[in-house]
Amino acid sequence: MSRAGTIDGLQFARGRDAVSGSIGIDALPRLAAMGCDAATLVYAVRGGEGGSGRPSLTIEISGRVRLVCQRCLGPLSFEMAALTELELAQTQAEIDAADDDVDRVLATKAMDVAALVEDEAILALPMVPLHERCETGRAEGAPTKASPFAALAGLRRSGGGPGGSLR
């Protein structure tokens, strides 16, 4: 795997330079701290001008990460794909004063490419990772435990039992 390195943001954008490679989870500590493991991300960072004509970086990432399903707590494989354009700002005040929906980042002479990729990867993760259908993990042929809500559903279908209705 390649070491991402650093770029001079404004010079990189103005020169329309590009850098690409792959980064393992060992170089993405914040992603690892969020419970991601077995991750290798392929990235491409390209400099240029954004829609407003200002220097920008286009960051493209793809890869498969393993998360924890929040329903069953089992492993969940998530295919990540993101394409983001970040306008480069020369000062924090410029970012703070902006009143639009443009994504901006502070341009420095030593912008960490791995950190830029990691930021976009974190934003691309699902808020609540879930399988479409979770496997319960019970052994085949094992008896199923009755749901505590099954009795309530039965009462509702029968009209609520003696002396009343639940509707």
N, C-alpha and C. Protein backbone atom coordinates (compact mmCIF):
# COMPACT_ATOMS: atom_id res chain seq x y z
N MET A 1 0.83 -1.18 0.00
CA MET A 1 0.00 0.00 0.00
C MET A 1 0.87 1.24 0.00
N SER A 2 0.37 2.27 -0.63
CA SER A 2 1.17 3.49 -0.75
C SER A 2 0.98 4.38 0.47
N ARG A 3 1.96 5.18 0.73
CA ARG A 3 1.89 6.21 1.75
C ARG A 3 1.35 7.45 1.07
N ALA A 4 0.28 8.02 1.61
CA ALA A 4 -0.40 9.11 0.94
C ALA A 4 0.42 10.40 0.88
N GLY A 5 1.11 10.78 1.93
CA GLY A 5 1.94 11.98 1.92
C GLY A 5 1.16 13.26 2.12
N THR A 6 1.80 14.36 1.78
CA THR A 6 1.19 15.68 1.93
C THR A 6 1.27 16.44 0.61
N ILE A 7 0.40 17.44 0.50
CA ILE A 7 0.39 18.30 -0.69
C ILE A 7 0.31 19.75 -0.25
N ASP A 8 0.81 20.65 -1.07
CA ASP A 8 0.60 22.09 -0.89
C ASP A 8 -0.72 22.36 -1.60
N GLY A 9 -1.78 22.56 -0.83
CA GLY A 9 -3.13 22.64 -1.37
C GLY A 9 -3.32 23.55 -2.56
N LEU A 10 -2.98 24.82 -2.41
CA LEU A 10 -3.21 25.78 -3.49
C LEU A 10 -2.33 25.49 -4.71
N GLN A 11 -1.08 25.14 -4.48
CA GLN A 11 -0.18 24.83 -5.59
C GLN A 11 -0.66 23.56 -6.31
N PHE A 12 -1.11 22.59 -5.55
CA PHE A 12 -1.62 21.34 -6.11
C PHE A 12 -2.84 21.60 -6.99
N ALA A 13 -3.77 22.43 -6.50
CA ALA A 13 -4.98 22.75 -7.26
C ALA A 13 -4.65 23.57 -8.51
N ARG A 14 -3.83 24.58 -8.36
CA ARG A 14 -3.50 25.44 -9.50
C ARG A 14 -2.72 24.68 -10.57
N GLY A 15 -1.91 23.71 -10.16
CA GLY A 15 -1.15 22.90 -11.10
C GLY A 15 -1.95 21.74 -11.67
N ARG A 16 -3.20 21.61 -11.24
CA ARG A 16 -4.07 20.51 -11.67
C ARG A 16 -3.37 19.15 -11.49
N ASP A 17 -2.67 19.04 -10.37
CA ASP A 17 -1.94 17.82 -10.06
C ASP A 17 -2.91 16.74 -9.60
N ALA A 18 -2.42 15.51 -9.54
CA ALA A 18 -3.23 14.38 -9.08
C ALA A 18 -2.34 13.41 -8.33
N VAL A 19 -2.91 12.76 -7.36
CA VAL A 19 -2.24 11.72 -6.60
C VAL A 19 -3.28 10.63 -6.33
N SER A 20 -2.84 9.38 -6.40
CA SER A 20 -3.77 8.27 -6.13
C SER A 20 -3.02 7.13 -5.49
N GLY A 21 -3.75 6.20 -4.94
CA GLY A 21 -3.15 5.04 -4.29
C GLY A 21 -4.17 4.32 -3.45
N SER A 22 -3.67 3.58 -2.48
CA SER A 22 -4.56 2.88 -1.54
C SER A 22 -4.02 3.07 -0.13
N ILE A 23 -4.94 3.08 0.81
CA ILE A 23 -4.60 3.30 2.22
C ILE A 23 -5.26 2.21 3.04
N GLY A 24 -4.50 1.61 3.94
CA GLY A 24 -5.03 0.60 4.84
C GLY A 24 -5.55 1.21 6.13
N ILE A 25 -6.27 0.41 6.88
CA ILE A 25 -6.88 0.88 8.13
C ILE A 25 -5.84 1.37 9.12
N ASP A 26 -4.61 0.87 9.03
CA ASP A 26 -3.56 1.31 9.94
C ASP A 26 -3.21 2.78 9.77
N ALA A 27 -3.49 3.36 8.61
CA ALA A 27 -3.24 4.78 8.35
C ALA A 27 -4.49 5.63 8.54
N LEU A 28 -5.58 5.02 9.02
CA LEU A 28 -6.86 5.71 9.19
C LEU A 28 -7.35 5.52 10.64
N PRO A 29 -6.68 6.13 11.61
CA PRO A 29 -6.99 5.87 13.02
C PRO A 29 -8.40 6.27 13.46
N ARG A 30 -8.94 7.36 12.91
CA ARG A 30 -10.29 7.77 13.32
C ARG A 30 -11.34 6.80 12.79
N LEU A 31 -11.13 6.29 11.59
CA LEU A 31 -12.03 5.29 11.02
C LEU A 31 -11.97 4.01 11.85
N ALA A 32 -10.77 3.61 12.24
CA ALA A 32 -10.59 2.42 13.07
C ALA A 32 -11.27 2.61 14.42
N ALA A 33 -11.16 3.80 15.00
CA ALA A 33 -11.78 4.08 16.31
C ALA A 33 -13.30 4.04 16.24
N MET A 34 -13.86 4.21 15.05
CA MET A 34 -15.31 4.17 14.87
C MET A 34 -15.82 2.74 14.69
N GLY A 35 -14.94 1.77 14.78
CA GLY A 35 -15.36 0.38 14.67
C GLY A 35 -15.16 -0.23 13.30
N CYS A 36 -14.57 0.49 12.37
CA CYS A 36 -14.28 -0.07 11.06
C CYS A 36 -13.03 -0.93 11.16
N ASP A 37 -13.07 -2.05 10.50
CA ASP A 37 -11.85 -2.82 10.39
C ASP A 37 -11.83 -3.47 9.02
N ALA A 38 -10.74 -4.10 8.71
CA ALA A 38 -10.55 -4.75 7.40
C ALA A 38 -10.79 -3.78 6.25
N ALA A 39 -10.32 -2.56 6.41
CA ALA A 39 -10.55 -1.56 5.37
C ALA A 39 -9.29 -1.31 4.56
N THR A 40 -9.46 -1.23 3.28
CA THR A 40 -8.46 -0.71 2.37
C THR A 40 -9.21 0.20 1.41
N LEU A 41 -8.84 1.44 1.40
CA LEU A 41 -9.52 2.41 0.55
C LEU A 41 -8.62 2.79 -0.61
N VAL A 42 -9.19 2.81 -1.80
CA VAL A 42 -8.52 3.28 -2.99
C VAL A 42 -8.95 4.73 -3.15
N TYR A 43 -7.99 5.62 -3.39
CA TYR A 43 -8.31 7.04 -3.47
C TYR A 43 -7.66 7.70 -4.68
N ALA A 44 -8.25 8.81 -5.06
CA ALA A 44 -7.66 9.70 -6.07
C ALA A 44 -7.99 11.12 -5.65
N VAL A 45 -6.99 11.96 -5.59
CA VAL A 45 -7.17 13.38 -5.27
C VAL A 45 -6.66 14.16 -6.47
N ARG A 46 -7.53 15.02 -7.01
CA ARG A 46 -7.17 15.82 -8.18
C ARG A 46 -7.38 17.29 -7.87
N GLY A 47 -6.45 18.11 -8.31
CA GLY A 47 -6.56 19.55 -8.15
C GLY A 47 -7.19 20.16 -9.38
N GLY A 48 -7.78 21.32 -9.20
CA GLY A 48 -8.40 22.03 -10.32
C GLY A 48 -9.17 23.22 -9.82
N GLU A 49 -10.13 23.64 -10.63
CA GLU A 49 -11.03 24.73 -10.27
C GLU A 49 -12.43 24.19 -10.07
N GLY A 50 -13.08 24.70 -9.05
CA GLY A 50 -14.46 24.29 -8.80
C GLY A 50 -15.42 25.04 -9.69
N GLY A 51 -16.69 24.84 -9.47
CA GLY A 51 -17.73 25.50 -10.25
C GLY A 51 -17.66 27.01 -10.18
N SER A 52 -17.12 27.53 -9.08
CA SER A 52 -17.02 28.99 -8.90
C SER A 52 -15.72 29.54 -9.48
N GLY A 53 -14.89 28.66 -10.05
CA GLY A 53 -13.62 29.10 -10.60
C GLY A 53 -12.51 29.21 -9.57
N ARG A 54 -12.79 28.82 -8.34
CA ARG A 54 -11.80 28.88 -7.26
C ARG A 54 -11.05 27.56 -7.17
N PRO A 55 -9.83 27.57 -6.65
CA PRO A 55 -9.06 26.33 -6.50
C PRO A 55 -9.83 25.31 -5.66
N SER A 56 -9.79 24.06 -6.11
CA SER A 56 -10.51 23.02 -5.39
C SER A 56 -9.79 21.68 -5.52
N LEU A 57 -10.21 20.76 -4.67
CA LEU A 57 -9.72 19.39 -4.70
C LEU A 57 -10.92 18.48 -4.93
N THR A 58 -10.76 17.53 -5.83
CA THR A 58 -11.78 16.50 -6.02
C THR A 58 -11.21 15.23 -5.41
N ILE A 59 -11.97 14.66 -4.48
CA ILE A 59 -11.53 13.46 -3.76
C ILE A 59 -12.49 12.33 -4.09
N GLU A 60 -11.93 11.25 -4.60
CA GLU A 60 -12.73 10.07 -4.92
C GLU A 60 -12.18 8.91 -4.12
N ILE A 61 -13.07 8.20 -3.43
CA ILE A 61 -12.66 7.04 -2.65
C ILE A 61 -13.58 5.88 -2.93
N SER A 62 -13.03 4.68 -2.84
CA SER A 62 -13.83 3.47 -2.94
C SER A 62 -13.15 2.39 -2.14
N GLY A 63 -13.92 1.41 -1.76
CA GLY A 63 -13.37 0.30 -1.00
C GLY A 63 -14.44 -0.36 -0.17
N ARG A 64 -14.06 -1.42 0.45
CA ARG A 64 -14.97 -2.18 1.30
C ARG A 64 -14.48 -2.09 2.74
N VAL A 65 -15.38 -1.74 3.64
CA VAL A 65 -15.06 -1.69 5.06
C VAL A 65 -15.99 -2.64 5.80
N ARG A 66 -15.52 -3.10 6.94
CA ARG A 66 -16.36 -3.96 7.76
C ARG A 66 -16.78 -3.16 8.98
N LEU A 67 -18.08 -3.07 9.16
CA LEU A 67 -18.69 -2.34 10.27
C LEU A 67 -19.41 -3.34 11.18
N VAL A 68 -20.08 -2.83 12.20
CA VAL A 68 -20.89 -3.64 13.09
C VAL A 68 -22.35 -3.26 12.88
N CYS A 69 -23.17 -4.24 12.52
CA CYS A 69 -24.61 -4.00 12.35
C CYS A 69 -25.19 -3.60 13.70
N GLN A 70 -25.95 -2.53 13.71
CA GLN A 70 -26.53 -2.04 14.97
C GLN A 70 -27.81 -2.76 15.36
N ARG A 71 -28.27 -3.66 14.50
CA ARG A 71 -29.45 -4.45 14.84
C ARG A 71 -29.04 -5.76 15.48
N CYS A 72 -28.14 -6.49 14.83
CA CYS A 72 -27.76 -7.82 15.32
C CYS A 72 -26.36 -7.87 15.93
N LEU A 73 -25.61 -6.79 15.81
CA LEU A 73 -24.24 -6.66 16.31
C LEU A 73 -23.26 -7.60 15.62
N GLY A 74 -23.65 -8.10 14.45
CA GLY A 74 -22.77 -8.94 13.66
C GLY A 74 -21.97 -8.10 12.68
N PRO A 75 -20.98 -8.72 12.02
CA PRO A 75 -20.18 -7.98 11.05
C PRO A 75 -21.01 -7.60 9.82
N LEU A 76 -20.76 -6.44 9.29
CA LEU A 76 -21.47 -5.91 8.13
C LEU A 76 -20.45 -5.40 7.14
N SER A 77 -20.47 -5.93 5.94
CA SER A 77 -19.58 -5.47 4.89
C SER A 77 -20.27 -4.31 4.17
N PHE A 78 -19.57 -3.19 4.06
CA PHE A 78 -20.13 -1.99 3.45
C PHE A 78 -19.24 -1.55 2.30
N GLU A 79 -19.83 -1.43 1.12
CA GLU A 79 -19.11 -0.96 -0.06
C GLU A 79 -19.16 0.56 -0.07
N MET A 80 -18.00 1.18 0.07
CA MET A 80 -17.92 2.62 0.14
C MET A 80 -17.54 3.19 -1.23
N ALA A 81 -18.23 4.24 -1.61
CA ALA A 81 -17.90 4.97 -2.83
C ALA A 81 -18.32 6.42 -2.62
N ALA A 82 -17.37 7.33 -2.79
CA ALA A 82 -17.67 8.75 -2.58
C ALA A 82 -16.87 9.59 -3.56
N LEU A 83 -17.50 10.66 -4.00
CA LEU A 83 -16.85 11.64 -4.87
C LEU A 83 -17.23 13.01 -4.33
N THR A 84 -16.24 13.78 -3.92
CA THR A 84 -16.48 15.06 -3.26
C THR A 84 -15.58 16.14 -3.85
N GLU A 85 -16.14 17.33 -3.98
CA GLU A 85 -15.33 18.48 -4.38
C GLU A 85 -15.25 19.44 -3.20
N LEU A 86 -14.02 19.78 -2.83
CA LEU A 86 -13.78 20.71 -1.73
C LEU A 86 -13.13 21.97 -2.28
N GLU A 87 -13.77 23.10 -2.04
CA GLU A 87 -13.17 24.37 -2.43
C GLU A 87 -12.12 24.73 -1.39
N LEU A 88 -10.99 25.22 -1.86
CA LEU A 88 -9.91 25.59 -0.95
C LEU A 88 -10.07 27.04 -0.50
N ALA A 89 -10.00 27.24 0.80
CA ALA A 89 -10.08 28.59 1.38
C ALA A 89 -8.70 28.95 1.91
N GLN A 90 -8.37 30.23 1.84
CA GLN A 90 -7.05 30.66 2.30
C GLN A 90 -7.02 31.00 3.78
N THR A 91 -8.21 31.28 4.37
CA THR A 91 -8.27 31.58 5.81
C THR A 91 -9.51 30.92 6.42
N GLN A 92 -9.45 30.69 7.72
CA GLN A 92 -10.60 30.15 8.43
C GLN A 92 -11.76 31.15 8.41
N ALA A 93 -11.43 32.42 8.44
CA ALA A 93 -12.47 33.47 8.40
C ALA A 93 -13.27 33.38 7.11
N GLU A 94 -12.61 33.04 6.02
CA GLU A 94 -13.30 32.87 4.73
C GLU A 94 -14.32 31.73 4.81
N ILE A 95 -13.94 30.67 5.46
CA ILE A 95 -14.86 29.53 5.63
C ILE A 95 -16.03 29.92 6.52
N ASP A 96 -15.71 30.59 7.64
CA ASP A 96 -16.75 30.98 8.60
C ASP A 96 -17.74 31.99 8.01
N ALA A 97 -17.27 32.86 7.12
CA ALA A 97 -18.13 33.90 6.56
C ALA A 97 -18.99 33.39 5.40
N ALA A 98 -18.67 32.24 4.86
CA ALA A 98 -19.42 31.73 3.70
C ALA A 98 -20.86 31.43 4.09
N ASP A 99 -21.76 31.83 3.20
CA ASP A 99 -23.19 31.63 3.44
C ASP A 99 -23.78 30.84 2.28
N ASP A 100 -23.23 29.65 2.03
CA ASP A 100 -23.72 28.80 0.95
C ASP A 100 -23.48 27.34 1.33
N ASP A 101 -23.79 26.44 0.42
CA ASP A 101 -23.67 25.01 0.70
C ASP A 101 -22.40 24.39 0.12
N VAL A 102 -21.41 25.21 -0.20
CA VAL A 102 -20.17 24.72 -0.78
C VAL A 102 -19.30 24.14 0.34
N ASP A 103 -18.77 22.94 0.12
CA ASP A 103 -17.85 22.33 1.07
C ASP A 103 -16.48 22.96 0.89
N ARG A 104 -15.93 23.46 1.99
CA ARG A 104 -14.63 24.13 1.94
C ARG A 104 -13.69 23.50 2.95
N VAL A 105 -12.41 23.64 2.65
CA VAL A 105 -11.37 23.18 3.56
C VAL A 105 -10.26 24.21 3.52
N LEU A 106 -9.58 24.38 4.64
CA LEU A 106 -8.50 25.34 4.73
C LEU A 106 -7.28 24.82 3.98
N ALA A 107 -6.82 25.58 3.01
CA ALA A 107 -5.64 25.21 2.22
C ALA A 107 -4.39 25.53 3.03
N THR A 108 -3.51 24.55 3.13
CA THR A 108 -2.22 24.77 3.79
C THR A 108 -1.12 24.26 2.87
N LYS A 109 0.09 24.54 3.25
CA LYS A 109 1.24 24.09 2.47
C LYS A 109 1.56 22.62 2.72
N ALA A 110 0.95 22.03 3.76
CA ALA A 110 1.19 20.62 4.07
C ALA A 110 -0.12 19.94 4.44
N MET A 111 -0.97 19.73 3.45
CA MET A 111 -2.26 19.06 3.67
C MET A 111 -2.03 17.55 3.62
N ASP A 112 -2.45 16.87 4.67
CA ASP A 112 -2.27 15.42 4.78
C ASP A 112 -3.32 14.72 3.92
N VAL A 113 -2.89 14.05 2.87
CA VAL A 113 -3.81 13.38 1.95
C VAL A 113 -4.59 12.29 2.67
N ALA A 114 -3.94 11.51 3.53
CA ALA A 114 -4.64 10.45 4.27
C ALA A 114 -5.76 11.03 5.13
N ALA A 115 -5.52 12.18 5.76
CA ALA A 115 -6.56 12.82 6.59
C ALA A 115 -7.72 13.30 5.73
N LEU A 116 -7.43 13.85 4.54
CA LEU A 116 -8.50 14.27 3.64
C LEU A 116 -9.35 13.07 3.21
N VAL A 117 -8.68 11.98 2.87
CA VAL A 117 -9.38 10.76 2.45
C VAL A 117 -10.20 10.21 3.62
N GLU A 118 -9.60 10.20 4.80
CA GLU A 118 -10.30 9.69 5.98
C GLU A 118 -11.53 10.53 6.31
N ASP A 119 -11.42 11.85 6.20
CA ASP A 119 -12.57 12.73 6.44
C ASP A 119 -13.73 12.36 5.53
N GLU A 120 -13.44 12.19 4.25
CA GLU A 120 -14.51 11.87 3.29
C GLU A 120 -15.05 10.46 3.51
N ALA A 121 -14.20 9.53 3.92
CA ALA A 121 -14.66 8.17 4.23
C ALA A 121 -15.61 8.18 5.42
N ILE A 122 -15.28 8.94 6.44
CA ILE A 122 -16.15 9.03 7.62
C ILE A 122 -17.51 9.61 7.23
N LEU A 123 -17.50 10.63 6.39
CA LEU A 123 -18.77 11.23 5.95
C LEU A 123 -19.58 10.29 5.06
N ALA A 124 -18.92 9.33 4.41
CA ALA A 124 -19.62 8.40 3.52
C ALA A 124 -20.21 7.20 4.26
N LEU A 125 -19.85 7.02 5.53
CA LEU A 125 -20.39 5.89 6.29
C LEU A 125 -21.86 6.08 6.58
N PRO A 126 -22.60 4.99 6.67
CA PRO A 126 -24.02 5.13 7.06
C PRO A 126 -24.11 5.59 8.51
N MET A 127 -25.12 6.40 8.81
CA MET A 127 -25.30 6.89 10.17
C MET A 127 -25.54 5.72 11.13
N VAL A 128 -26.37 4.78 10.70
CA VAL A 128 -26.66 3.60 11.48
C VAL A 128 -26.48 2.39 10.57
N PRO A 129 -25.35 1.70 10.66
CA PRO A 129 -25.13 0.55 9.78
C PRO A 129 -26.06 -0.61 10.14
N LEU A 130 -26.79 -1.11 9.14
CA LEU A 130 -27.72 -2.22 9.34
C LEU A 130 -27.68 -3.16 8.16
N HIS A 131 -27.81 -4.47 8.43
CA HIS A 131 -28.04 -5.43 7.35
C HIS A 131 -29.45 -5.20 6.81
N GLU A 132 -29.69 -5.56 5.56
CA GLU A 132 -31.06 -5.51 5.06
C GLU A 132 -31.91 -6.52 5.82
N ARG A 133 -31.35 -7.71 6.01
CA ARG A 133 -31.99 -8.76 6.82
C ARG A 133 -30.92 -9.37 7.70
N CYS A 134 -31.12 -9.33 8.97
CA CYS A 134 -30.12 -9.88 9.89
C CYS A 134 -30.36 -11.37 10.09
N GLU A 135 -29.27 -12.10 10.16
CA GLU A 135 -29.33 -13.50 10.55
C GLU A 135 -29.33 -13.51 12.07
N THR A 136 -30.23 -14.28 12.65
CA THR A 136 -30.34 -14.27 14.10
C THR A 136 -29.24 -15.04 14.78
N GLY A 137 -28.56 -15.89 14.06
CA GLY A 137 -27.47 -16.64 14.65
C GLY A 137 -27.92 -17.89 15.38
N ARG A 138 -29.22 -18.23 15.31
CA ARG A 138 -29.64 -19.43 16.03
C ARG A 138 -29.37 -20.66 15.17
N ALA A 139 -29.09 -21.73 15.83
CA ALA A 139 -28.77 -22.98 15.13
C ALA A 139 -30.00 -23.51 14.42
N GLU A 140 -29.78 -24.13 13.26
CA GLU A 140 -30.88 -24.67 12.49
C GLU A 140 -31.57 -25.78 13.29
N GLY A 141 -32.88 -25.75 13.33
CA GLY A 141 -33.65 -26.75 14.06
C GLY A 141 -33.86 -26.39 15.52
N ALA A 142 -33.19 -25.36 16.00
CA ALA A 142 -33.35 -24.96 17.40
C ALA A 142 -34.70 -24.28 17.56
N PRO A 143 -35.34 -24.51 18.71
CA PRO A 143 -36.65 -23.89 18.92
C PRO A 143 -36.53 -22.38 18.97
N THR A 144 -37.54 -21.71 18.44
CA THR A 144 -37.55 -20.26 18.47
C THR A 144 -38.23 -19.79 19.75
N LYS A 145 -37.74 -18.72 20.29
CA LYS A 145 -38.31 -18.15 21.50
C LYS A 145 -39.48 -17.27 21.09
N ALA A 146 -40.60 -17.42 21.77
CA ALA A 146 -41.78 -16.63 21.45
C ALA A 146 -41.53 -15.16 21.77
N SER A 147 -42.04 -14.31 20.92
CA SER A 147 -41.90 -12.88 21.13
C SER A 147 -42.80 -12.45 22.28
N PRO A 148 -42.33 -11.57 23.14
CA PRO A 148 -43.19 -11.09 24.22
C PRO A 148 -44.37 -10.27 23.71
N PHE A 149 -44.30 -9.85 22.46
CA PHE A 149 -45.39 -9.06 21.89
C PHE A 149 -46.43 -9.93 21.18
N ALA A 150 -46.17 -11.23 21.05
CA ALA A 150 -47.12 -12.11 20.38
C ALA A 150 -48.44 -12.17 21.14
N ALA A 151 -48.37 -12.18 22.46
CA ALA A 151 -49.60 -12.21 23.26
C ALA A 151 -50.41 -10.94 23.06
N LEU A 152 -49.75 -9.80 22.97
CA LEU A 152 -50.46 -8.54 22.74
C LEU A 152 -51.12 -8.53 21.36
N ALA A 153 -50.44 -9.07 20.37
CA ALA A 153 -51.01 -9.13 19.03
C ALA A 153 -52.24 -10.03 19.03
N GLY A 154 -52.18 -11.12 19.78
CA GLY A 154 -53.33 -12.01 19.89
C GLY A 154 -54.52 -11.32 20.54
N LEU A 155 -54.28 -10.53 21.56
CA LEU A 155 -55.36 -9.80 22.22
C LEU A 155 -56.00 -8.80 21.26
N ARG A 156 -55.19 -8.14 20.48
CA ARG A 156 -55.71 -7.15 19.55
C ARG A 156 -56.60 -7.81 18.50
N ARG A 157 -56.14 -8.96 17.97
CA ARG A 157 -56.94 -9.66 16.96
C ARG A 157 -58.26 -10.18 17.53
N SER A 158 -58.26 -10.56 18.83
CA SER A 158 -59.47 -11.13 19.41
C SER A 158 -60.41 -10.07 19.97
N GLY A 159 -60.05 -8.82 19.86
CA GLY A 159 -60.94 -7.77 20.33
C GLY A 159 -60.62 -7.29 21.73
N GLY A 160 -59.52 -7.71 22.28
CA GLY A 160 -59.10 -7.17 23.56
C GLY A 160 -59.43 -8.03 24.74
N GLY A 161 -60.00 -9.18 24.54
CA GLY A 161 -60.26 -10.06 25.69
C GLY A 161 -61.59 -9.71 26.34
N PRO A 162 -61.79 -10.16 27.60
CA PRO A 162 -63.06 -9.97 28.30
C PRO A 162 -63.36 -8.50 28.56
N GLY A 163 -64.53 -8.11 28.15
CA GLY A 163 -65.06 -6.81 28.51
C GLY A 163 -64.53 -5.61 27.73
N GLY A 164 -63.88 -5.80 26.62
CA GLY A 164 -63.43 -4.59 25.96
C GLY A 164 -62.72 -4.83 24.64
N SER A 165 -62.44 -3.71 24.04
CA SER A 165 -61.74 -3.72 22.77
C SER A 165 -60.56 -2.77 22.88
N LEU A 166 -59.50 -3.12 22.17
CA LEU A 166 -58.33 -2.26 22.17
C LEU A 166 -58.40 -1.18 21.11
N ARG A 167 -59.45 -1.12 20.35
CA ARG A 167 -59.55 -0.13 19.28
C ARG A 167 -60.33 1.07 19.68
